[in-house]
Amino acid sequence: MTSVTSSGSAPGWISRHRADLLGNGVIRVRGGQCWDGERLSPAPAGDFLFDVRTRRWSHQA
């Protein structure tokens, strides 16, 4: 893996999620669990979208 600088509302450290590459150059991330530094908890509801061209995250609840 390679670190990528990004902006916007990223999902944080997430595991056990699903990801899809949408036809418009956007990666959709949904479900899974988030690590808060101490424990795993369910990821926030909705989809996180990452635009690979602009390197910007957005969250759709």
PDB file of N, CA and C in Angstrom:
ATOM      1  N   MET A   1       0.825  -1.171   0.000  1.00  0.00           N
ATOM      2  CA  MET A   1       0.000   0.000   0.000  1.00  0.00           C
ATOM      3  C   MET A   1       0.876   1.243   0.000  1.00  0.00           C
ATOM      4  N   THR A   2       0.298   2.303  -0.517  1.00  0.00           N
ATOM      5  CA  THR A   2       0.969   3.596  -0.543  1.00  0.00           C
ATOM      6  C   THR A   2       0.038   4.635   0.063  1.00  0.00           C
ATOM      7  N   SER A   3       0.583   5.474   0.912  1.00  0.00           N
ATOM      8  CA  SER A   3      -0.199   6.547   1.519  1.00  0.00           C
ATOM      9  C   SER A   3      -0.528   7.601   0.463  1.00  0.00           C
ATOM     10  N   VAL A   4      -1.759   8.115   0.501  1.00  0.00           N
ATOM     11  CA  VAL A   4      -2.213   9.139  -0.439  1.00  0.00           C
ATOM     12  C   VAL A   4      -2.780  10.297   0.371  1.00  0.00           C
ATOM     13  N   THR A   5      -2.302  11.500   0.105  1.00  0.00           N
ATOM     14  CA  THR A   5      -2.851  12.680   0.768  1.00  0.00           C
ATOM     15  C   THR A   5      -4.251  12.927   0.229  1.00  0.00           C
ATOM     16  N   SER A   6      -5.207  13.164   1.140  1.00  0.00           N
ATOM     17  CA  SER A   6      -6.591  13.383   0.727  1.00  0.00           C
ATOM     18  C   SER A   6      -7.221  14.455   1.604  1.00  0.00           C
ATOM     19  N   SER A   7      -8.428  14.863   1.227  1.00  0.00           N
ATOM     20  CA  SER A   7      -9.181  15.832   2.009  1.00  0.00           C
ATOM     21  C   SER A   7     -10.613  15.338   2.144  1.00  0.00           C
ATOM     22  N   GLY A   8     -11.406  16.039   2.935  1.00  0.00           N
ATOM     23  CA  GLY A   8     -12.808  15.686   3.096  1.00  0.00           C
ATOM     24  C   GLY A   8     -13.070  14.817   4.310  1.00  0.00           C
ATOM     25  N   SER A   9     -14.229  14.167   4.334  1.00  0.00           N
ATOM     26  CA  SER A   9     -14.696  13.354   5.458  1.00  0.00           C
ATOM     27  C   SER A   9     -14.337  11.894   5.251  1.00  0.00           C
ATOM     28  N   ALA A  10     -13.107  11.528   5.611  1.00  0.00           N
ATOM     29  CA  ALA A  10     -12.640  10.148   5.449  1.00  0.00           C
ATOM     30  C   ALA A  10     -13.241   9.250   6.526  1.00  0.00           C
ATOM     31  N   PRO A  11     -13.364   7.949   6.264  1.00  0.00           N
ATOM     32  CA  PRO A  11     -13.962   7.039   7.244  1.00  0.00           C
ATOM     33  C   PRO A  11     -13.056   6.698   8.418  1.00  0.00           C
ATOM     34  N   GLY A  12     -11.799   7.061   8.388  1.00  0.00           N
ATOM     35  CA  GLY A  12     -10.873   6.707   9.459  1.00  0.00           C
ATOM     36  C   GLY A  12     -10.318   5.307   9.238  1.00  0.00           C
ATOM     37  N   TRP A  13      -9.777   4.703  10.302  1.00  0.00           N
ATOM     38  CA  TRP A  13      -9.217   3.349  10.218  1.00  0.00           C
ATOM     39  C   TRP A  13     -10.375   2.368  10.197  1.00  0.00           C
ATOM     40  N   ILE A  14     -10.637   1.788   9.047  1.00  0.00           N
ATOM     41  CA  ILE A  14     -11.806   0.924   8.874  1.00  0.00           C
ATOM     42  C   ILE A  14     -11.354  -0.451   8.377  1.00  0.00           C
ATOM     43  N   SER A  15     -12.030  -1.496   8.874  1.00  0.00           N
ATOM     44  CA  SER A  15     -11.742  -2.863   8.441  1.00  0.00           C
ATOM     45  C   SER A  15     -13.047  -3.610   8.250  1.00  0.00           C
ATOM     46  N   ARG A  16     -12.953  -4.781   7.633  1.00  0.00           N
ATOM     47  CA  ARG A  16     -14.129  -5.625   7.396  1.00  0.00           C
ATOM     48  C   ARG A  16     -15.230  -4.885   6.646  1.00  0.00           C
ATOM     49  N   HIS A  17     -14.806  -4.025   5.715  1.00  0.00           N
ATOM     50  CA  HIS A  17     -15.737  -3.227   4.933  1.00  0.00           C
ATOM     51  C   HIS A  17     -15.844  -3.786   3.516  1.00  0.00           C
ATOM     52  N   ARG A  18     -16.710  -3.186   2.745  1.00  0.00           N
ATOM     53  CA  ARG A  18     -16.848  -3.514   1.330  1.00  0.00           C
ATOM     54  C   ARG A  18     -16.504  -2.266   0.537  1.00  0.00           C
ATOM     55  N   ALA A  19     -15.912  -2.464  -0.628  1.00  0.00           N
ATOM     56  CA  ALA A  19     -15.571  -1.337  -1.495  1.00  0.00           C
ATOM     57  C   ALA A  19     -15.891  -1.695  -2.937  1.00  0.00           C
ATOM     58  N   ASP A  20     -16.385  -0.709  -3.671  1.00  0.00           N
ATOM     59  CA  ASP A  20     -16.728  -0.876  -5.085  1.00  0.00           C
ATOM     60  C   ASP A  20     -16.123   0.280  -5.860  1.00  0.00           C
ATOM     61  N   LEU A  21     -15.616  -0.002  -7.049  1.00  0.00           N
ATOM     62  CA  LEU A  21     -15.173   1.054  -7.950  1.00  0.00           C
ATOM     63  C   LEU A  21     -16.351   1.411  -8.841  1.00  0.00           C
ATOM     64  N   LEU A  22     -16.848   2.624  -8.704  1.00  0.00           N
ATOM     65  CA  LEU A  22     -17.968   3.085  -9.517  1.00  0.00           C
ATOM     66  C   LEU A  22     -17.433   3.545 -10.866  1.00  0.00           C
ATOM     67  N   GLY A  23     -18.277   3.626 -11.860  1.00  0.00           N
ATOM     68  CA  GLY A  23     -17.861   3.945 -13.212  1.00  0.00           C
ATOM     69  C   GLY A  23     -17.297   5.339 -13.416  1.00  0.00           C
ATOM     70  N   ASN A  24     -17.469   6.223 -12.447  1.00  0.00           N
ATOM     71  CA  ASN A  24     -17.027   7.607 -12.613  1.00  0.00           C
ATOM     72  C   ASN A  24     -15.721   7.918 -11.875  1.00  0.00           C
ATOM     73  N   GLY A  25     -14.917   6.893 -11.592  1.00  0.00           N
ATOM     74  CA  GLY A  25     -13.643   7.109 -10.911  1.00  0.00           C
ATOM     75  C   GLY A  25     -13.781   7.340  -9.422  1.00  0.00           C
ATOM     76  N   VAL A  26     -14.869   6.850  -8.856  1.00  0.00           N
ATOM     77  CA  VAL A  26     -15.136   7.004  -7.425  1.00  0.00           C
ATOM     78  C   VAL A  26     -15.152   5.629  -6.772  1.00  0.00           C
ATOM     79  N   ILE A  27     -14.499   5.520  -5.621  1.00  0.00           N
ATOM     80  CA  ILE A  27     -14.528   4.293  -4.828  1.00  0.00           C
ATOM     81  C   ILE A  27     -15.551   4.483  -3.721  1.00  0.00           C
ATOM     82  N   ARG A  28     -16.483   3.542  -3.623  1.00  0.00           N
ATOM     83  CA  ARG A  28     -17.507   3.588  -2.576  1.00  0.00           C
ATOM     84  C   ARG A  28     -17.122   2.588  -1.489  1.00  0.00           C
ATOM     85  N   VAL A  29     -17.076   3.049  -0.234  1.00  0.00           N
ATOM     86  CA  VAL A  29     -16.749   2.213   0.920  1.00  0.00           C
ATOM     87  C   VAL A  29     -17.963   2.191   1.837  1.00  0.00           C
ATOM     88  N   ARG A  30     -18.354   0.983   2.279  1.00  0.00           N
ATOM     89  CA  ARG A  30     -19.529   0.874   3.151  1.00  0.00           C
ATOM     90  C   ARG A  30     -19.348  -0.252   4.150  1.00  0.00           C
ATOM     91  N   GLY A  31     -20.034  -0.111   5.272  1.00  0.00           N
ATOM     92  CA  GLY A  31     -20.013  -1.141   6.301  1.00  0.00           C
ATOM     93  C   GLY A  31     -18.677  -1.222   7.017  1.00  0.00           C
ATOM     94  N   GLY A  32     -18.484  -2.314   7.719  1.00  0.00           N
ATOM     95  CA  GLY A  32     -17.223  -2.555   8.400  1.00  0.00           C
ATOM     96  C   GLY A  32     -17.201  -2.058   9.829  1.00  0.00           C
ATOM     97  N   GLN A  33     -15.988  -1.978  10.338  1.00  0.00           N
ATOM     98  CA  GLN A  33     -15.764  -1.538  11.711  1.00  0.00           C
ATOM     99  C   GLN A  33     -14.649  -0.508  11.720  1.00  0.00           C
ATOM    100  N   CYS A  34     -14.761   0.458  12.641  1.00  0.00           N
ATOM    101  CA  CYS A  34     -13.757   1.512  12.784  1.00  0.00           C
ATOM    102  C   CYS A  34     -12.943   1.282  14.046  1.00  0.00           C
ATOM    103  N   TRP A  35     -11.659   1.594  13.976  1.00  0.00           N
ATOM    104  CA  TRP A  35     -10.754   1.496  15.119  1.00  0.00           C
ATOM    105  C   TRP A  35     -10.559   2.899  15.679  1.00  0.00           C
ATOM    106  N   ASP A  36     -10.866   3.091  16.963  1.00  0.00           N
ATOM    107  CA  ASP A  36     -10.728   4.419  17.580  1.00  0.00           C
ATOM    108  C   ASP A  36      -9.458   4.540  18.420  1.00  0.00           C
ATOM    109  N   GLY A  37      -8.565   3.572  18.308  1.00  0.00           N
ATOM    110  CA  GLY A  37      -7.335   3.585  19.089  1.00  0.00           C
ATOM    111  C   GLY A  37      -7.399   2.672  20.291  1.00  0.00           C
ATOM    112  N   GLU A  38      -8.622   2.276  20.668  1.00  0.00           N
ATOM    113  CA  GLU A  38      -8.815   1.389  21.812  1.00  0.00           C
ATOM    114  C   GLU A  38      -9.674   0.179  21.496  1.00  0.00           C
ATOM    115  N   ARG A  39     -10.658   0.365  20.617  1.00  0.00           N
ATOM    116  CA  ARG A  39     -11.563  -0.754  20.320  1.00  0.00           C
ATOM    117  C   ARG A  39     -12.196  -0.570  18.943  1.00  0.00           C
ATOM    118  N   LEU A  40     -12.784  -1.671  18.447  1.00  0.00           N
ATOM    119  CA  LEU A  40     -13.535  -1.629  17.195  1.00  0.00           C
ATOM    120  C   LEU A  40     -14.983  -1.270  17.488  1.00  0.00           C
ATOM    121  N   SER A  41     -15.579  -0.468  16.633  1.00  0.00           N
ATOM    122  CA  SER A  41     -16.994  -0.135  16.736  1.00  0.00           C
ATOM    123  C   SER A  41     -17.564  -0.105  15.320  1.00  0.00           C
ATOM    124  N   PRO A  42     -18.881  -0.232  15.182  1.00  0.00           N
ATOM    125  CA  PRO A  42     -19.473  -0.207  13.836  1.00  0.00           C
ATOM    126  C   PRO A  42     -19.140   1.093  13.109  1.00  0.00           C
ATOM    127  N   ALA A  43     -18.901   0.993  11.824  1.00  0.00           N
ATOM    128  CA  ALA A  43     -18.640   2.183  11.003  1.00  0.00           C
ATOM    129  C   ALA A  43     -19.900   3.041  10.956  1.00  0.00           C
ATOM    130  N   PRO A  44     -19.746   4.345  10.749  1.00  0.00           N
ATOM    131  CA  PRO A  44     -20.923   5.210  10.625  1.00  0.00           C
ATOM    132  C   PRO A  44     -21.825   4.735   9.484  1.00  0.00           C
ATOM    133  N   ALA A  45     -23.124   4.959   9.648  1.00  0.00           N
ATOM    134  CA  ALA A  45     -24.095   4.567   8.625  1.00  0.00           C
ATOM    135  C   ALA A  45     -23.842   5.342   7.339  1.00  0.00           C
ATOM    136  N   GLY A  46     -24.176   4.733   6.232  1.00  0.00           N
ATOM    137  CA  GLY A  46     -24.051   5.389   4.944  1.00  0.00           C
ATOM    138  C   GLY A  46     -22.800   4.974   4.204  1.00  0.00           C
ATOM    139  N   ASP A  47     -22.562   5.630   3.091  1.00  0.00           N
ATOM    140  CA  ASP A  47     -21.433   5.331   2.221  1.00  0.00           C
ATOM    141  C   ASP A  47     -20.386   6.434   2.303  1.00  0.00           C
ATOM    142  N   PHE A  48     -19.124   6.041   2.247  1.00  0.00           N
ATOM    143  CA  PHE A  48     -18.032   6.981   2.075  1.00  0.00           C
ATOM    144  C   PHE A  48     -17.586   6.871   0.624  1.00  0.00           C
ATOM    145  N   LEU A  49     -17.430   8.009  -0.026  1.00  0.00           N
ATOM    146  CA  LEU A  49     -17.033   8.034  -1.427  1.00  0.00           C
ATOM    147  C   LEU A  49     -15.680   8.716  -1.546  1.00  0.00           C
ATOM    148  N   PHE A  50     -14.775   8.093  -2.305  1.00  0.00           N
ATOM    149  CA  PHE A  50     -13.455   8.678  -2.545  1.00  0.00           C
ATOM    150  C   PHE A  50     -13.286   8.907  -4.027  1.00  0.00           C
ATOM    151  N   ASP A  51     -13.119  10.168  -4.421  1.00  0.00           N
ATOM    152  CA  ASP A  51     -12.898  10.523  -5.819  1.00  0.00           C
ATOM    153  C   ASP A  51     -11.398  10.422  -6.088  1.00  0.00           C
ATOM    154  N   VAL A  52     -10.993   9.467  -6.903  1.00  0.00           N
ATOM    155  CA  VAL A  52      -9.570   9.230  -7.137  1.00  0.00           C
ATOM    156  C   VAL A  52      -8.907  10.371  -7.908  1.00  0.00           C
ATOM    157  N   ARG A  53      -9.671  11.144  -8.646  1.00  0.00           N
ATOM    158  CA  ARG A  53      -9.102  12.261  -9.413  1.00  0.00           C
ATOM    159  C   ARG A  53      -8.788  13.453  -8.523  1.00  0.00           C
ATOM    160  N   THR A  54      -9.709  13.768  -7.597  1.00  0.00           N
ATOM    161  CA  THR A  54      -9.526  14.939  -6.731  1.00  0.00           C
ATOM    162  C   THR A  54      -8.951  14.560  -5.365  1.00  0.00           C
ATOM    163  N   ARG A  55      -8.914  13.245  -5.070  1.00  0.00           N
ATOM    164  CA  ARG A  55      -8.452  12.727  -3.772  1.00  0.00           C
ATOM    165  C   ARG A  55      -9.264  13.310  -2.620  1.00  0.00           C
ATOM    166  N   ARG A  56     -10.567  13.409  -2.825  1.00  0.00           N
ATOM    167  CA  ARG A  56     -11.468  13.981  -1.816  1.00  0.00           C
ATOM    168  C   ARG A  56     -12.488  12.943  -1.377  1.00  0.00           C
ATOM    169  N   TRP A  57     -12.663  12.842  -0.055  1.00  0.00           N
ATOM    170  CA  TRP A  57     -13.667  11.967   0.547  1.00  0.00           C
ATOM    171  C   TRP A  57     -14.959  12.747   0.770  1.00  0.00           C
ATOM    172  N   SER A  58     -16.086  12.053   0.679  1.00  0.00           N
ATOM    173  CA  SER A  58     -17.375  12.602   1.092  1.00  0.00           C
ATOM    174  C   SER A  58     -18.163  11.484   1.762  1.00  0.00           C
ATOM    175  N   HIS A  59     -19.126  11.868   2.582  1.00  0.00           N
ATOM    176  CA  HIS A  59     -19.935  10.896   3.335  1.00  0.00           C
ATOM    177  C   HIS A  59     -21.400  11.123   2.998  1.00  0.00           C
ATOM    178  N   GLN A  60     -22.073  10.063   2.595  1.00  0.00           N
ATOM    179  CA  GLN A  60     -23.507  10.125   2.306  1.00  0.00           C
ATOM    180  C   GLN A  60     -24.225   9.259   3.315  1.00  0.00           C
ATOM    181  N   ALA A  61     -24.898   9.887   4.263  1.00  0.00           N
ATOM    182  CA  ALA A  61     -25.608   9.157   5.320  1.00  0.00           C
ATOM    183  C   ALA A  61     -26.858   8.495   4.786  1.00  0.00           C
TER     184      ALA A  61
END
